[in-house]
Amino acid sequence: MARSVKHSANRPPTPDEDVRDSPERDELTLGEIINIKLVESGEKENLMELVRDRLVESGWKDEMRIACREHVKKKGRKDVTVDELIRVITPKGRASVPDAIKEELLDRIHNFIRSAAL
């Protein structure tokens, strides 16, 4: 018996949602296959933990905290919503991730793909 699962636009499907047999999808993209394999193996959580640690070590997290506080101070505490703060800070956050962290993450993903023979 197949169960109906709604997929979030902000989150890739997890392996137990069995998107491979979904009538909505005829074929998976390479990126989707890699994501499924990362989740199934537990490597995705390891990579996320690695990135969190590296962002803290690099001072990026503190920089983002300061940027948020400055925005709230400028606009006034009562006039700022979480959605607005995310909309304003996200582009700056993405642009300021150190290149070394991006390179390390890409290297780990490439190594995973090679070892998984994808």
PDB file of N, CA and C in Angstrom:
ATOM      1  N   MET A   1       0.835  -1.161   0.000  1.00  0.00           N
ATOM      2  CA  MET A   1       0.000   0.000   0.000  1.00  0.00           C
ATOM      3  C   MET A   1       0.888   1.235   0.000  1.00  0.00           C
ATOM      4  N   ALA A   2       0.753   2.083  -0.995  1.00  0.00           N
ATOM      5  CA  ALA A   2       1.577   3.287  -1.111  1.00  0.00           C
ATOM      6  C   ALA A   2       0.964   4.396  -0.291  1.00  0.00           C
ATOM      7  N   ARG A   3       1.822   5.129   0.382  1.00  0.00           N
ATOM      8  CA  ARG A   3       1.308   6.253   1.149  1.00  0.00           C
ATOM      9  C   ARG A   3       1.648   7.548   0.447  1.00  0.00           C
ATOM     10  N   SER A   4       0.802   8.522   0.599  1.00  0.00           N
ATOM     11  CA  SER A   4       1.004   9.812  -0.044  1.00  0.00           C
ATOM     12  C   SER A   4       1.869  10.683   0.860  1.00  0.00           C
ATOM     13  N   VAL A   5       2.921  11.272   0.300  1.00  0.00           N
ATOM     14  CA  VAL A   5       3.843  12.105   1.062  1.00  0.00           C
ATOM     15  C   VAL A   5       3.991  13.425   0.336  1.00  0.00           C
ATOM     16  N   LYS A   6       3.834  14.501   1.080  1.00  0.00           N
ATOM     17  CA  LYS A   6       4.079  15.826   0.511  1.00  0.00           C
ATOM     18  C   LYS A   6       5.524  16.191   0.786  1.00  0.00           C
ATOM     19  N   HIS A   7       6.197  16.713  -0.212  1.00  0.00           N
ATOM     20  CA  HIS A   7       7.594  17.078  -0.075  1.00  0.00           C
ATOM     21  C   HIS A   7       7.705  18.573   0.166  1.00  0.00           C
ATOM     22  N   SER A   8       8.580  18.955   1.065  1.00  0.00           N
ATOM     23  CA  SER A   8       8.821  20.352   1.372  1.00  0.00           C
ATOM     24  C   SER A   8       9.713  20.970   0.307  1.00  0.00           C
ATOM     25  N   ALA A   9       9.436  22.211  -0.016  1.00  0.00           N
ATOM     26  CA  ALA A   9      10.290  22.922  -0.970  1.00  0.00           C
ATOM     27  C   ALA A   9      11.630  23.264  -0.331  1.00  0.00           C
ATOM     28  N   ASN A  10      11.684  23.265   0.997  1.00  0.00           N
ATOM     29  CA  ASN A  10      12.902  23.646   1.706  1.00  0.00           C
ATOM     30  C   ASN A  10      13.729  22.462   2.170  1.00  0.00           C
ATOM     31  N   ARG A  11      13.239  21.258   1.945  1.00  0.00           N
ATOM     32  CA  ARG A  11      13.928  20.080   2.438  1.00  0.00           C
ATOM     33  C   ARG A  11      13.846  18.987   1.397  1.00  0.00           C
ATOM     34  N   PRO A  12      14.976  18.368   1.113  1.00  0.00           N
ATOM     35  CA  PRO A  12      14.936  17.266   0.152  1.00  0.00           C
ATOM     36  C   PRO A  12      14.233  16.072   0.777  1.00  0.00           C
ATOM     37  N   PRO A  13      13.687  15.202  -0.040  1.00  0.00           N
ATOM     38  CA  PRO A  13      13.000  14.023   0.495  1.00  0.00           C
ATOM     39  C   PRO A  13      13.978  13.098   1.200  1.00  0.00           C
ATOM     40  N   THR A  14      13.510  12.439   2.226  1.00  0.00           N
ATOM     41  CA  THR A  14      14.331  11.457   2.925  1.00  0.00           C
ATOM     42  C   THR A  14      14.099  10.102   2.289  1.00  0.00           C
ATOM     43  N   PRO A  15      15.021   9.177   2.473  1.00  0.00           N
ATOM     44  CA  PRO A  15      14.913   7.882   1.806  1.00  0.00           C
ATOM     45  C   PRO A  15      13.604   7.149   2.104  1.00  0.00           C
ATOM     46  N   ASP A  16      13.060   7.272   3.323  1.00  0.00           N
ATOM     47  CA  ASP A  16      11.847   6.532   3.648  1.00  0.00           C
ATOM     48  C   ASP A  16      10.621   7.066   2.911  1.00  0.00           C
ATOM     49  N   GLU A  17      10.743   8.232   2.289  1.00  0.00           N
ATOM     50  CA  GLU A  17       9.627   8.768   1.515  1.00  0.00           C
ATOM     51  C   GLU A  17       9.546   8.129   0.135  1.00  0.00           C
ATOM     52  N   ASP A  18      10.546   7.359  -0.212  1.00  0.00           N
ATOM     53  CA  ASP A  18      10.593   6.558  -1.429  1.00  0.00           C
ATOM     54  C   ASP A  18      10.153   7.317  -2.677  1.00  0.00           C
ATOM     55  N   VAL A  19      10.887   8.399  -2.972  1.00  0.00           N
ATOM     56  CA  VAL A  19      10.576   9.204  -4.153  1.00  0.00           C
ATOM     57  C   VAL A  19      10.826   8.434  -5.438  1.00  0.00           C
ATOM     58  N   ARG A  20      11.595   7.369  -5.358  1.00  0.00           N
ATOM     59  CA  ARG A  20      11.887   6.603  -6.569  1.00  0.00           C
ATOM     60  C   ARG A  20      10.635   5.969  -7.158  1.00  0.00           C
ATOM     61  N   ASP A  21       9.670   5.627  -6.302  1.00  0.00           N
ATOM     62  CA  ASP A  21       8.435   5.000  -6.770  1.00  0.00           C
ATOM     63  C   ASP A  21       7.278   5.983  -6.849  1.00  0.00           C
ATOM     64  N   SER A  22       7.572   7.254  -6.670  1.00  0.00           N
ATOM     65  CA  SER A  22       6.532   8.266  -6.676  1.00  0.00           C
ATOM     66  C   SER A  22       5.982   8.465  -8.086  1.00  0.00           C
ATOM     67  N   PRO A  23       4.656   8.502  -8.237  1.00  0.00           N
ATOM     68  CA  PRO A  23       4.089   8.734  -9.566  1.00  0.00           C
ATOM     69  C   PRO A  23       4.377  10.141 -10.082  1.00  0.00           C
ATOM     70  N   GLU A  24       4.739  11.056  -9.172  1.00  0.00           N
ATOM     71  CA  GLU A  24       5.033  12.429  -9.570  1.00  0.00           C
ATOM     72  C   GLU A  24       6.377  12.526 -10.299  1.00  0.00           C
ATOM     73  N   ARG A  25       7.242  11.544 -10.111  1.00  0.00           N
ATOM     74  CA  ARG A  25       8.594  11.613 -10.648  1.00  0.00           C
ATOM     75  C   ARG A  25       8.880  10.406 -11.518  1.00  0.00           C
ATOM     76  N   ASP A  26       9.285  10.635 -12.757  1.00  0.00           N
ATOM     77  CA  ASP A  26       9.681   9.526 -13.605  1.00  0.00           C
ATOM     78  C   ASP A  26      11.152   9.193 -13.393  1.00  0.00           C
ATOM     79  N   GLU A  27      11.969  10.230 -13.248  1.00  0.00           N
ATOM     80  CA  GLU A  27      13.395  10.035 -13.089  1.00  0.00           C
ATOM     81  C   GLU A  27      13.933  10.984 -12.039  1.00  0.00           C
ATOM     82  N   LEU A  28      14.963  10.555 -11.343  1.00  0.00           N
ATOM     83  CA  LEU A  28      15.626  11.406 -10.369  1.00  0.00           C
ATOM     84  C   LEU A  28      16.826  12.064 -11.030  1.00  0.00           C
ATOM     85  N   THR A  29      17.108  13.276 -10.629  1.00  0.00           N
ATOM     86  CA  THR A  29      18.311  13.937 -11.121  1.00  0.00           C
ATOM     87  C   THR A  29      19.512  13.373 -10.368  1.00  0.00           C
ATOM     88  N   LEU A  30      20.683  13.605 -10.896  1.00  0.00           N
ATOM     89  CA  LEU A  30      21.904  13.147 -10.239  1.00  0.00           C
ATOM     90  C   LEU A  30      22.004  13.765  -8.843  1.00  0.00           C
ATOM     91  N   GLY A  31      21.666  15.028  -8.734  1.00  0.00           N
ATOM     92  CA  GLY A  31      21.704  15.696  -7.432  1.00  0.00           C
ATOM     93  C   GLY A  31      20.776  15.038  -6.425  1.00  0.00           C
ATOM     94  N   GLU A  32      19.593  14.642  -6.876  1.00  0.00           N
ATOM     95  CA  GLU A  32      18.641  13.969  -5.987  1.00  0.00           C
ATOM     96  C   GLU A  32      19.168  12.600  -5.562  1.00  0.00           C
ATOM     97  N   ILE A  33      19.782  11.884  -6.492  1.00  0.00           N
ATOM     98  CA  ILE A  33      20.354  10.575  -6.174  1.00  0.00           C
ATOM     99  C   ILE A  33      21.475  10.724  -5.147  1.00  0.00           C
ATOM    100  N   ILE A  34      22.339  11.707  -5.367  1.00  0.00           N
ATOM    101  CA  ILE A  34      23.442  11.951  -4.428  1.00  0.00           C
ATOM    102  C   ILE A  34      22.881  12.300  -3.063  1.00  0.00           C
ATOM    103  N   ASN A  35      21.873  13.156  -3.012  1.00  0.00           N
ATOM    104  CA  ASN A  35      21.281  13.541  -1.733  1.00  0.00           C
ATOM    105  C   ASN A  35      20.703  12.329  -1.009  1.00  0.00           C
ATOM    106  N   ILE A  36      20.005  11.470  -1.725  1.00  0.00           N
ATOM    107  CA  ILE A  36      19.424  10.270  -1.115  1.00  0.00           C
ATOM    108  C   ILE A  36      20.526   9.388  -0.544  1.00  0.00           C
ATOM    109  N   LYS A  37      21.598   9.208  -1.305  1.00  0.00           N
ATOM    110  CA  LYS A  37      22.715   8.379  -0.837  1.00  0.00           C
ATOM    111  C   LYS A  37      23.397   9.007   0.380  1.00  0.00           C
ATOM    112  N   LEU A  38      23.532  10.335   0.372  1.00  0.00           N
ATOM    113  CA  LEU A  38      24.120  11.020   1.526  1.00  0.00           C
ATOM    114  C   LEU A  38      23.271  10.802   2.772  1.00  0.00           C
ATOM    115  N   VAL A  39      21.965  10.911   2.634  1.00  0.00           N
ATOM    116  CA  VAL A  39      21.057  10.728   3.770  1.00  0.00           C
ATOM    117  C   VAL A  39      21.092   9.275   4.242  1.00  0.00           C
ATOM    118  N   GLU A  40      20.974   8.338   3.313  1.00  0.00           N
ATOM    119  CA  GLU A  40      20.953   6.911   3.663  1.00  0.00           C
ATOM    120  C   GLU A  40      22.215   6.483   4.408  1.00  0.00           C
ATOM    121  N   SER A  41      23.348   7.021   4.007  1.00  0.00           N
ATOM    122  CA  SER A  41      24.624   6.622   4.603  1.00  0.00           C
ATOM    123  C   SER A  41      24.917   7.343   5.914  1.00  0.00           C
ATOM    124  N   GLY A  42      24.184   8.411   6.191  1.00  0.00           N
ATOM    125  CA  GLY A  42      24.469   9.214   7.377  1.00  0.00           C
ATOM    126  C   GLY A  42      25.519  10.272   7.130  1.00  0.00           C
ATOM    127  N   GLU A  43      26.072  10.296   5.924  1.00  0.00           N
ATOM    128  CA  GLU A  43      27.132  11.257   5.599  1.00  0.00           C
ATOM    129  C   GLU A  43      26.615  12.688   5.557  1.00  0.00           C
ATOM    130  N   LYS A  44      25.342  12.876   5.194  1.00  0.00           N
ATOM    131  CA  LYS A  44      24.801  14.239   5.132  1.00  0.00           C
ATOM    132  C   LYS A  44      24.850  14.894   6.512  1.00  0.00           C
ATOM    133  N   GLU A  45      24.468  14.160   7.537  1.00  0.00           N
ATOM    134  CA  GLU A  45      24.521  14.708   8.893  1.00  0.00           C
ATOM    135  C   GLU A  45      25.960  15.003   9.304  1.00  0.00           C
ATOM    136  N   ASN A  46      26.891  14.128   8.912  1.00  0.00           N
ATOM    137  CA  ASN A  46      28.313  14.378   9.197  1.00  0.00           C
ATOM    138  C   ASN A  46      28.799  15.655   8.515  1.00  0.00           C
ATOM    139  N   LEU A  47      28.389  15.847   7.269  1.00  0.00           N
ATOM    140  CA  LEU A  47      28.793  17.053   6.526  1.00  0.00           C
ATOM    141  C   LEU A  47      28.180  18.311   7.155  1.00  0.00           C
ATOM    142  N   MET A  48      26.930  18.210   7.574  1.00  0.00           N
ATOM    143  CA  MET A  48      26.288  19.367   8.198  1.00  0.00           C
ATOM    144  C   MET A  48      26.983  19.731   9.509  1.00  0.00           C
ATOM    145  N   GLU A  49      27.367  18.725  10.270  1.00  0.00           N
ATOM    146  CA  GLU A  49      28.089  18.974  11.518  1.00  0.00           C
ATOM    147  C   GLU A  49      29.454  19.591  11.238  1.00  0.00           C
ATOM    148  N   LEU A  50      30.132  19.103  10.207  1.00  0.00           N
ATOM    149  CA  LEU A  50      31.423  19.657   9.809  1.00  0.00           C
ATOM    150  C   LEU A  50      31.284  21.144   9.463  1.00  0.00           C
ATOM    151  N   VAL A  51      30.286  21.477   8.655  1.00  0.00           N
ATOM    152  CA  VAL A  51      30.089  22.868   8.252  1.00  0.00           C
ATOM    153  C   VAL A  51      29.765  23.737   9.469  1.00  0.00           C
ATOM    154  N   ARG A  52      28.893  23.252  10.344  1.00  0.00           N
ATOM    155  CA  ARG A  52      28.567  24.025  11.561  1.00  0.00           C
ATOM    156  C   ARG A  52      29.826  24.300  12.371  1.00  0.00           C
ATOM    157  N   ASP A  53      30.637  23.259  12.575  1.00  0.00           N
ATOM    158  CA  ASP A  53      31.867  23.432  13.348  1.00  0.00           C
ATOM    159  C   ASP A  53      32.813  24.423  12.693  1.00  0.00           C
ATOM    160  N   ARG A  54      32.996  24.283  11.384  1.00  0.00           N
ATOM    161  CA  ARG A  54      33.923  25.181  10.668  1.00  0.00           C
ATOM    162  C   ARG A  54      33.430  26.631  10.685  1.00  0.00           C
ATOM    163  N   LEU A  55      32.117  26.829  10.573  1.00  0.00           N
ATOM    164  CA  LEU A  55      31.573  28.190  10.606  1.00  0.00           C
ATOM    165  C   LEU A  55      31.783  28.832  11.978  1.00  0.00           C
ATOM    166  N   VAL A  56      31.644  28.043  13.028  1.00  0.00           N
ATOM    167  CA  VAL A  56      31.903  28.566  14.371  1.00  0.00           C
ATOM    168  C   VAL A  56      33.385  28.888  14.524  1.00  0.00           C
ATOM    169  N   GLU A  57      34.246  27.944  14.120  1.00  0.00           N
ATOM    170  CA  GLU A  57      35.698  28.141  14.224  1.00  0.00           C
ATOM    171  C   GLU A  57      36.181  29.371  13.467  1.00  0.00           C
ATOM    172  N   SER A  58      35.576  29.639  12.323  1.00  0.00           N
ATOM    173  CA  SER A  58      36.016  30.754  11.485  1.00  0.00           C
ATOM    174  C   SER A  58      35.503  32.105  11.965  1.00  0.00           C
ATOM    175  N   GLY A  59      34.574  32.101  12.907  1.00  0.00           N
ATOM    176  CA  GLY A  59      33.992  33.351  13.385  1.00  0.00           C
ATOM    177  C   GLY A  59      32.779  33.790  12.577  1.00  0.00           C
ATOM    178  N   TRP A  60      32.399  33.024  11.573  1.00  0.00           N
ATOM    179  CA  TRP A  60      31.257  33.362  10.721  1.00  0.00           C
ATOM    180  C   TRP A  60      29.974  33.465  11.534  1.00  0.00           C
ATOM    181  N   LYS A  61      29.756  32.526  12.428  1.00  0.00           N
ATOM    182  CA  LYS A  61      28.531  32.528  13.228  1.00  0.00           C
ATOM    183  C   LYS A  61      28.439  33.803  14.074  1.00  0.00           C
ATOM    184  N   ASP A  62      29.546  34.207  14.667  1.00  0.00           N
ATOM    185  CA  ASP A  62      29.563  35.439  15.461  1.00  0.00           C
ATOM    186  C   ASP A  62      29.288  36.662  14.587  1.00  0.00           C
ATOM    187  N   GLU A  63      29.852  36.660  13.371  1.00  0.00           N
ATOM    188  CA  GLU A  63      29.607  37.775  12.441  1.00  0.00           C
ATOM    189  C   GLU A  63      28.122  37.875  12.096  1.00  0.00           C
ATOM    190  N   MET A  64      27.486  36.739  11.885  1.00  0.00           N
ATOM    191  CA  MET A  64      26.058  36.746  11.543  1.00  0.00           C
ATOM    192  C   MET A  64      25.215  37.196  12.735  1.00  0.00           C
ATOM    193  N   ARG A  65      25.615  36.788  13.920  1.00  0.00           N
ATOM    194  CA  ARG A  65      24.905  37.221  15.129  1.00  0.00           C
ATOM    195  C   ARG A  65      24.993  38.746  15.273  1.00  0.00           C
ATOM    196  N   ILE A  66      26.183  39.282  15.038  1.00  0.00           N
ATOM    197  CA  ILE A  66      26.384  40.731  15.121  1.00  0.00           C
ATOM    198  C   ILE A  66      25.560  41.446  14.052  1.00  0.00           C
ATOM    199  N   ALA A  67      25.553  40.911  12.833  1.00  0.00           N
ATOM    200  CA  ALA A  67      24.773  41.520  11.745  1.00  0.00           C
ATOM    201  C   ALA A  67      23.278  41.534  12.100  1.00  0.00           C
ATOM    202  N   CYS A  68      22.807  40.470  12.697  1.00  0.00           N
ATOM    203  CA  CYS A  68      21.396  40.413  13.104  1.00  0.00           C
ATOM    204  C   CYS A  68      21.105  41.459  14.172  1.00  0.00           C
ATOM    205  N   ARG A  69      21.965  41.533  15.155  1.00  0.00           N
ATOM    206  CA  ARG A  69      21.762  42.519  16.231  1.00  0.00           C
ATOM    207  C   ARG A  69      21.791  43.948  15.695  1.00  0.00           C
ATOM    208  N   GLU A  70      22.709  44.216  14.766  1.00  0.00           N
ATOM    209  CA  GLU A  70      22.793  45.561  14.186  1.00  0.00           C
ATOM    210  C   GLU A  70      21.523  45.904  13.420  1.00  0.00           C
ATOM    211  N   HIS A  71      21.007  44.933  12.667  1.00  0.00           N
ATOM    212  CA  HIS A  71      19.774  45.173  11.903  1.00  0.00           C
ATOM    213  C   HIS A  71      18.602  45.442  12.846  1.00  0.00           C
ATOM    214  N   VAL A  72      18.501  44.661  13.901  1.00  0.00           N
ATOM    215  CA  VAL A  72      17.409  44.846  14.869  1.00  0.00           C
ATOM    216  C   VAL A  72      17.546  46.204  15.558  1.00  0.00           C
ATOM    217  N   LYS A  73      18.767  46.566  15.906  1.00  0.00           N
ATOM    218  CA  LYS A  73      19.008  47.854  16.565  1.00  0.00           C
ATOM    219  C   LYS A  73      18.632  49.016  15.643  1.00  0.00           C
ATOM    220  N   LYS A  74      18.981  48.884  14.363  1.00  0.00           N
ATOM    221  CA  LYS A  74      18.701  49.930  13.381  1.00  0.00           C
ATOM    222  C   LYS A  74      17.198  50.089  13.133  1.00  0.00           C
ATOM    223  N   LYS A  75      16.497  48.975  12.990  1.00  0.00           N
ATOM    224  CA  LYS A  75      15.066  49.006  12.663  1.00  0.00           C
ATOM    225  C   LYS A  75      14.175  49.167  13.890  1.00  0.00           C
ATOM    226  N   GLY A  76      14.667  48.798  15.032  1.00  0.00           N
ATOM    227  CA  GLY A  76      13.842  48.811  16.235  1.00  0.00           C
ATOM    228  C   GLY A  76      13.326  47.413  16.511  1.00  0.00           C
ATOM    229  N   ARG A  77      13.456  47.006  17.729  1.00  0.00           N
ATOM    230  CA  ARG A  77      13.136  45.628  18.111  1.00  0.00           C
ATOM    231  C   ARG A  77      11.707  45.231  17.764  1.00  0.00           C
ATOM    232  N   LYS A  78      10.783  46.145  17.923  1.00  0.00           N
ATOM    233  CA  LYS A  78       9.370  45.822  17.686  1.00  0.00           C
ATOM    234  C   LYS A  78       9.001  45.843  16.205  1.00  0.00           C
ATOM    235  N   ASP A  79       9.891  46.394  15.381  1.00  0.00           N
ATOM    236  CA  ASP A  79       9.580  46.536  13.957  1.00  0.00           C
ATOM    237  C   ASP A  79      10.269  45.504  13.073  1.00  0.00           C
ATOM    238  N   VAL A  80      10.885  44.496  13.672  1.00  0.00           N
ATOM    239  CA  VAL A  80      11.592  43.483  12.900  1.00  0.00           C
ATOM    240  C   VAL A  80      10.939  42.123  13.135  1.00  0.00           C
ATOM    241  N   THR A  81      10.657  41.433  12.033  1.00  0.00           N
ATOM    242  CA  THR A  81      10.134  40.079  12.141  1.00  0.00           C
ATOM    243  C   THR A  81      11.258  39.089  11.843  1.00  0.00           C
ATOM    244  N   VAL A  82      11.072  37.864  12.258  1.00  0.00           N
ATOM    245  CA  VAL A  82      12.062  36.834  11.972  1.00  0.00           C
ATOM    246  C   VAL A  82      12.199  36.653  10.462  1.00  0.00           C
ATOM    247  N   ASP A  83      11.064  36.661   9.746  1.00  0.00           N
ATOM    248  CA  ASP A  83      11.114  36.498   8.288  1.00  0.00           C
ATOM    249  C   ASP A  83      11.926  37.609   7.630  1.00  0.00           C
ATOM    250  N   GLU A  84      11.747  38.828   8.090  1.00  0.00           N
ATOM    251  CA  GLU A  84      12.506  39.949   7.533  1.00  0.00           C
ATOM    252  C   GLU A  84      13.992  39.788   7.828  1.00  0.00           C
ATOM    253  N   LEU A  85      14.312  39.399   9.048  1.00  0.00           N
ATOM    254  CA  LEU A  85      15.702  39.216   9.438  1.00  0.00           C
ATOM    255  C   LEU A  85      16.366  38.145   8.571  1.00  0.00           C
ATOM    256  N   ILE A  86      15.661  37.058   8.333  1.00  0.00           N
ATOM    257  CA  ILE A  86      16.189  35.994   7.477  1.00  0.00           C
ATOM    258  C   ILE A  86      16.390  36.508   6.060  1.00  0.00           C
ATOM    259  N   ARG A  87      15.412  37.247   5.539  1.00  0.00           N
ATOM    260  CA  ARG A  87      15.491  37.781   4.173  1.00  0.00           C
ATOM    261  C   ARG A  87      16.675  38.728   4.015  1.00  0.00           C
ATOM    262  N   VAL A  88      16.943  39.541   5.031  1.00  0.00           N
ATOM    263  CA  VAL A  88      18.011  40.534   4.957  1.00  0.00           C
ATOM    264  C   VAL A  88      19.391  39.895   5.177  1.00  0.00           C
ATOM    265  N   ILE A  89      19.490  38.983   6.126  1.00  0.00           N
ATOM    266  CA  ILE A  89      20.790  38.447   6.526  1.00  0.00           C
ATOM    267  C   ILE A  89      21.259  37.280   5.641  1.00  0.00           C
ATOM    268  N   THR A  90      20.338  36.504   5.088  1.00  0.00           N
ATOM    269  CA  THR A  90      20.716  35.317   4.309  1.00  0.00           C
ATOM    270  C   THR A  90      21.682  35.620   3.165  1.00  0.00           C
ATOM    271  N   PRO A  91      21.430  36.622   2.330  1.00  0.00           N
ATOM    272  CA  PRO A  91      22.390  36.883   1.242  1.00  0.00           C
ATOM    273  C   PRO A  91      23.796  37.212   1.761  1.00  0.00           C
ATOM    274  N   LYS A  92      23.853  38.003   2.818  1.00  0.00           N
ATOM    275  CA  LYS A  92      25.153  38.341   3.399  1.00  0.00           C
ATOM    276  C   LYS A  92      25.827  37.096   3.965  1.00  0.00           C
ATOM    277  N   GLY A  93      25.042  36.259   4.628  1.00  0.00           N
ATOM    278  CA  GLY A  93      25.583  35.036   5.213  1.00  0.00           C
ATOM    279  C   GLY A  93      26.141  34.095   4.162  1.00  0.00           C
ATOM    280  N   ARG A  94      25.382  33.894   3.104  1.00  0.00           N
ATOM    281  CA  ARG A  94      25.839  32.997   2.035  1.00  0.00           C
ATOM    282  C   ARG A  94      27.094  33.523   1.361  1.00  0.00           C
ATOM    283  N   ALA A  95      27.131  34.823   1.146  1.00  0.00           N
ATOM    284  CA  ALA A  95      28.277  35.427   0.455  1.00  0.00           C
ATOM    285  C   ALA A  95      29.535  35.439   1.321  1.00  0.00           C
ATOM    286  N   SER A  96      29.369  35.358   2.632  1.00  0.00           N
ATOM    287  CA  SER A  96      30.529  35.489   3.510  1.00  0.00           C
ATOM    288  C   SER A  96      31.070  34.160   4.048  1.00  0.00           C
ATOM    289  N   VAL A  97      30.532  33.047   3.584  1.00  0.00           N
ATOM    290  CA  VAL A  97      31.085  31.747   3.995  1.00  0.00           C
ATOM    291  C   VAL A  97      32.499  31.656   3.425  1.00  0.00           C
ATOM    292  N   PRO A  98      33.478  31.393   4.278  1.00  0.00           N
ATOM    293  CA  PRO A  98      34.865  31.336   3.794  1.00  0.00           C
ATOM    294  C   PRO A  98      35.058  30.283   2.698  1.00  0.00           C
ATOM    295  N   ASP A  99      35.856  30.635   1.693  1.00  0.00           N
ATOM    296  CA  ASP A  99      36.121  29.726   0.574  1.00  0.00           C
ATOM    297  C   ASP A  99      36.719  28.404   1.036  1.00  0.00           C
ATOM    298  N   ALA A 100      37.547  28.441   2.066  1.00  0.00           N
ATOM    299  CA  ALA A 100      38.175  27.208   2.556  1.00  0.00           C
ATOM    300  C   ALA A 100      37.118  26.215   3.043  1.00  0.00           C
ATOM    301  N   ILE A 101      36.056  26.704   3.649  1.00  0.00           N
ATOM    302  CA  ILE A 101      34.983  25.833   4.126  1.00  0.00           C
ATOM    303  C   ILE A 101      34.239  25.236   2.942  1.00  0.00           C
ATOM    304  N   LYS A 102      33.961  26.063   1.942  1.00  0.00           N
ATOM    305  CA  LYS A 102      33.283  25.566   0.743  1.00  0.00           C
ATOM    306  C   LYS A 102      34.125  24.489   0.059  1.00  0.00           C
ATOM    307  N   GLU A 103      35.428  24.736  -0.050  1.00  0.00           N
ATOM    308  CA  GLU A 103      36.323  23.777  -0.703  1.00  0.00           C
ATOM    309  C   GLU A 103      36.388  22.467   0.069  1.00  0.00           C
ATOM    310  N   GLU A 104      36.467  22.556   1.392  1.00  0.00           N
ATOM    311  CA  GLU A 104      36.512  21.335   2.203  1.00  0.00           C
ATOM    312  C   GLU A 104      35.229  20.526   2.036  1.00  0.00           C
ATOM    313  N   LEU A 105      34.092  21.205   2.027  1.00  0.00           N
ATOM    314  CA  LEU A 105      32.814  20.521   1.851  1.00  0.00           C
ATOM    315  C   LEU A 105      32.737  19.858   0.477  1.00  0.00           C
ATOM    316  N   LEU A 106      33.126  20.582  -0.563  1.00  0.00           N
ATOM    317  CA  LEU A 106      33.116  20.003  -1.908  1.00  0.00           C
ATOM    318  C   LEU A 106      34.049  18.800  -2.019  1.00  0.00           C
ATOM    319  N   ASP A 107      35.217  18.886  -1.402  1.00  0.00           N
ATOM    320  CA  ASP A 107      36.149  17.753  -1.416  1.00  0.00           C
ATOM    321  C   ASP A 107      35.526  16.535  -0.748  1.00  0.00           C
ATOM    322  N   ARG A 108      34.870  16.751   0.379  1.00  0.00           N
ATOM    323  CA  ARG A 108      34.231  15.625   1.084  1.00  0.00           C
ATOM    324  C   ARG A 108      33.111  15.024   0.242  1.00  0.00           C
ATOM    325  N   ILE A 109      32.340  15.866  -0.431  1.00  0.00           N
ATOM    326  CA  ILE A 109      31.248  15.368  -1.278  1.00  0.00           C
ATOM    327  C   ILE A 109      31.825  14.597  -2.466  1.00  0.00           C
ATOM    328  N   HIS A 110      32.851  15.143  -3.098  1.00  0.00           N
ATOM    329  CA  HIS A 110      33.500  14.439  -4.218  1.00  0.00           C
ATOM    330  C   HIS A 110      34.033  13.083  -3.778  1.00  0.00           C
ATOM    331  N   ASN A 111      34.680  13.036  -2.618  1.00  0.00           N
ATOM    332  CA  ASN A 111      35.202  11.768  -2.104  1.00  0.00           C
ATOM    333  C   ASN A 111      34.069  10.783  -1.837  1.00  0.00           C
ATOM    334  N   PHE A 112      32.960  11.274  -1.313  1.00  0.00           N
ATOM    335  CA  PHE A 112      31.804  10.407  -1.068  1.00  0.00           C
ATOM    336  C   PHE A 112      31.281   9.830  -2.377  1.00  0.00           C
ATOM    337  N   ILE A 113      31.165  10.690  -3.384  1.00  0.00           N
ATOM    338  CA  ILE A 113      30.653  10.232  -4.700  1.00  0.00           C
ATOM    339  C   ILE A 113      31.579   9.164  -5.271  1.00  0.00           C
ATOM    340  N   ARG A 114      32.894   9.405  -5.187  1.00  0.00           N
ATOM    341  CA  ARG A 114      33.847   8.410  -5.696  1.00  0.00           C
ATOM    342  C   ARG A 114      33.726   7.085  -4.935  1.00  0.00           C
ATOM    343  N   SER A 115      33.620   7.168  -3.633  1.00  0.00           N
ATOM    344  CA  SER A 115      33.564   5.939  -2.824  1.00  0.00           C
ATOM    345  C   SER A 115      32.236   5.211  -3.000  1.00  0.00           C
ATOM    346  N   ALA A 116      31.166   5.943  -3.309  1.00  0.00           N
ATOM    347  CA  ALA A 116      29.865   5.331  -3.514  1.00  0.00           C
ATOM    348  C   ALA A 116      29.692   4.883  -4.960  1.00  0.00           C
ATOM    349  N   ALA A 117      30.667   5.183  -5.802  1.00  0.00           N
ATOM    350  CA  ALA A 117      30.641   4.811  -7.221  1.00  0.00           C
ATOM    351  C   ALA A 117      29.392   5.324  -7.908  1.00  0.00           C
ATOM    352  N   LEU A 118      29.084   6.593  -7.678  1.00  0.00           N
ATOM    353  CA  LEU A 118      27.914   7.204  -8.346  1.00  0.00           C
ATOM    354  C   LEU A 118      28.295   7.805  -9.677  1.00  0.00           C
TER     355      LEU A 118
END
